[in-house]
């Protein structure tokens, strides 16, 4: 969105936000001690508090990054267990052809002589693709 204000509501929101920030700054400045030495102590104390907050937040960020890495690793592992549709189709067709070949071998007469049953089994068409286009 451009810096241009589009509606009165947006203008009011922008003015309200600016006023809140100015009021917070004014309040913080008026709470600061007037003595320069005390003012230095005051700001050092706030700086120490800010450093503690920063340290706490950095620890939390590190924990969240570890959690994120674990979740990403688990998702990558689960994805590695998956197969593509094309791969699944090829394996399905290979399993069908293997089963059909085994049935032909079992239906043949002694000595591997083909008969009408084994020929009929051999004439069965391959299945149509289940998960992809033909």
Protein backbone atom coordinates (compact mmCIF):
# COMPACT_ATOMS: atom_id res chain seq x y z
CA UNK A 1 0.00 0.00 0.00
CA UNK A 2 1.33 3.42 -0.83
CA UNK A 3 2.01 6.07 1.80
CA UNK A 4 -1.06 7.92 0.64
CA UNK A 5 -4.05 7.84 3.00
CA UNK A 6 -7.12 6.37 1.32
CA UNK A 7 -9.90 6.79 3.87
CA UNK A 8 -10.78 8.85 6.92
CA UNK A 9 -10.61 5.70 9.05
CA UNK A 10 -7.03 5.06 7.97
CA UNK A 11 -6.16 8.68 8.68
CA UNK A 12 -7.67 8.40 12.16
CA UNK A 13 -5.80 5.15 12.83
CA UNK A 14 -2.53 6.70 11.73
CA UNK A 15 -3.09 9.77 13.94
CA UNK A 16 -4.07 7.59 16.91
CA UNK A 17 -0.93 5.47 16.54
CA UNK A 18 1.27 8.57 16.30
CA UNK A 19 -0.39 10.10 19.39
CA UNK A 20 0.09 6.89 21.39
CA UNK A 21 3.77 6.84 20.52
CA UNK A 22 4.21 10.51 21.41
CA UNK A 23 2.36 10.06 24.71
CA UNK A 24 4.51 7.05 25.59
CA UNK A 25 7.69 9.01 24.83
CA UNK A 26 6.48 11.99 26.85
CA UNK A 27 5.55 9.78 29.82
CA UNK A 28 8.90 7.97 29.73
CA UNK A 29 10.81 11.26 29.59
CA UNK A 30 8.82 12.78 32.46
CA UNK A 31 9.44 9.70 34.64
CA UNK A 32 13.19 9.93 34.16
CA UNK A 33 15.04 11.59 37.05
CA UNK A 34 16.21 15.19 36.57
CA UNK A 35 19.63 14.67 38.18
CA UNK A 36 22.12 13.69 35.42
CA UNK A 37 23.78 11.02 37.57
CA UNK A 38 20.45 9.52 38.58
CA UNK A 39 19.28 9.77 34.97
CA UNK A 40 22.32 7.73 33.89
CA UNK A 41 21.54 5.10 36.53
CA UNK A 42 17.91 5.12 35.45
CA UNK A 43 18.76 4.49 31.79
CA UNK A 44 21.43 1.91 32.66
CA UNK A 45 18.82 0.03 34.71
CA UNK A 46 16.43 0.10 31.74
CA UNK A 47 19.24 -1.00 29.46
CA UNK A 48 20.04 -3.93 31.77
CA UNK A 49 16.35 -4.88 31.80
CA UNK A 50 16.28 -4.65 28.01
CA UNK A 51 19.37 -6.86 27.78
CA UNK A 52 17.71 -9.47 30.01
CA UNK A 53 14.62 -9.39 27.81
CA UNK A 54 16.79 -9.72 24.71
CA UNK A 55 18.60 -12.72 26.22
CA UNK A 56 15.28 -14.34 27.13
CA UNK A 57 13.94 -13.74 23.64
CA UNK A 58 17.10 -15.12 22.04
CA UNK A 59 16.76 -18.30 24.11
CA UNK A 60 13.11 -18.60 23.08
CA UNK A 61 14.06 -18.06 19.44
CA UNK A 62 16.68 -20.81 19.73
CA UNK A 63 14.07 -23.16 21.24
CA UNK A 64 11.61 -22.34 18.48
CA UNK A 65 14.28 -22.94 15.83
CA UNK A 66 15.01 -26.36 17.35
CA UNK A 67 11.29 -27.18 17.34
CA UNK A 68 11.01 -25.96 13.73
CA UNK A 69 14.01 -28.08 12.69
CA UNK A 70 12.50 -31.16 14.36
CA UNK A 71 9.16 -30.59 12.64
CA UNK A 72 10.90 -30.03 9.31
CA UNK A 73 12.97 -33.18 9.78
CA UNK A 74 9.84 -35.20 10.62
CA UNK A 75 8.05 -33.81 7.56
CA UNK A 76 11.05 -34.60 5.34
CA UNK A 77 11.15 -38.15 6.71
CA UNK A 78 7.42 -38.65 6.11
CA UNK A 79 7.79 -37.24 2.61
CA UNK A 80 10.68 -39.63 1.95
CA UNK A 81 8.33 -42.53 2.66
CA UNK A 82 5.94 -41.37 -0.06
CA UNK A 83 6.16 -42.39 -3.70
CA UNK A 84 5.21 -40.45 -6.80
CA UNK A 85 2.13 -41.33 -8.83
CA UNK A 86 4.23 -42.39 -11.80
CA UNK A 87 6.35 -44.64 -9.63
CA UNK A 88 3.24 -46.17 -8.06
CA UNK A 89 1.73 -46.79 -11.52
CA UNK A 90 4.90 -48.50 -12.76
CA UNK A 91 5.08 -50.72 -9.68
CA UNK A 92 1.36 -51.56 -9.93
CA UNK A 93 1.76 -52.55 -13.59
CA UNK A 94 4.89 -54.57 -12.78
CA UNK A 95 3.04 -56.42 -9.99
CA UNK A 96 0.14 -57.18 -12.35
CA UNK A 97 2.47 -58.51 -15.05
CA UNK A 98 4.34 -60.62 -12.50
CA UNK A 99 1.09 -62.12 -11.18
CA UNK A 100 -0.15 -62.73 -14.74
CA UNK A 101 3.13 -64.43 -15.68
CA UNK A 102 2.97 -66.60 -12.57
CA UNK A 103 -0.65 -67.57 -13.40
CA UNK A 104 0.38 -68.48 -16.97
CA UNK A 105 3.17 -70.68 -15.64
CA UNK A 106 0.81 -72.42 -13.22
CA UNK A 107 -1.84 -72.95 -15.92
CA UNK A 108 0.54 -74.52 -18.47
CA UNK A 109 0.60 -78.27 -18.92
CA UNK A 110 3.45 -80.43 -17.66
CA UNK A 111 6.73 -79.54 -19.27
CA UNK A 112 5.70 -75.92 -19.84
CA UNK A 113 3.43 -76.65 -22.79
CA UNK A 114 0.93 -73.81 -23.30
CA UNK A 115 -2.78 -74.65 -23.34
CA UNK A 116 -5.97 -72.69 -23.94
CA UNK A 117 -6.20 -71.55 -20.30
CA UNK A 118 -2.62 -70.24 -20.22
CA UNK A 119 -3.19 -68.50 -23.59
CA UNK A 120 -6.40 -66.88 -22.27
CA UNK A 121 -4.59 -65.67 -19.15
CA UNK A 122 -1.77 -64.31 -21.29
CA UNK A 123 -4.31 -62.36 -23.42
CA UNK A 124 -5.65 -60.43 -20.42
CA UNK A 125 -4.97 -56.73 -21.00
CA UNK A 126 -2.91 -54.66 -18.61
CA UNK A 127 -4.99 -52.63 -16.16
CA UNK A 128 -5.78 -49.01 -16.89
CA UNK A 129 -3.81 -46.44 -14.90
CA UNK A 130 -5.42 -45.81 -11.54
CA UNK A 131 -3.68 -42.61 -10.44
CA UNK A 132 -2.48 -41.03 -13.69
CA UNK A 133 -3.61 -40.45 -17.26
CA UNK A 134 -3.09 -43.22 -19.83
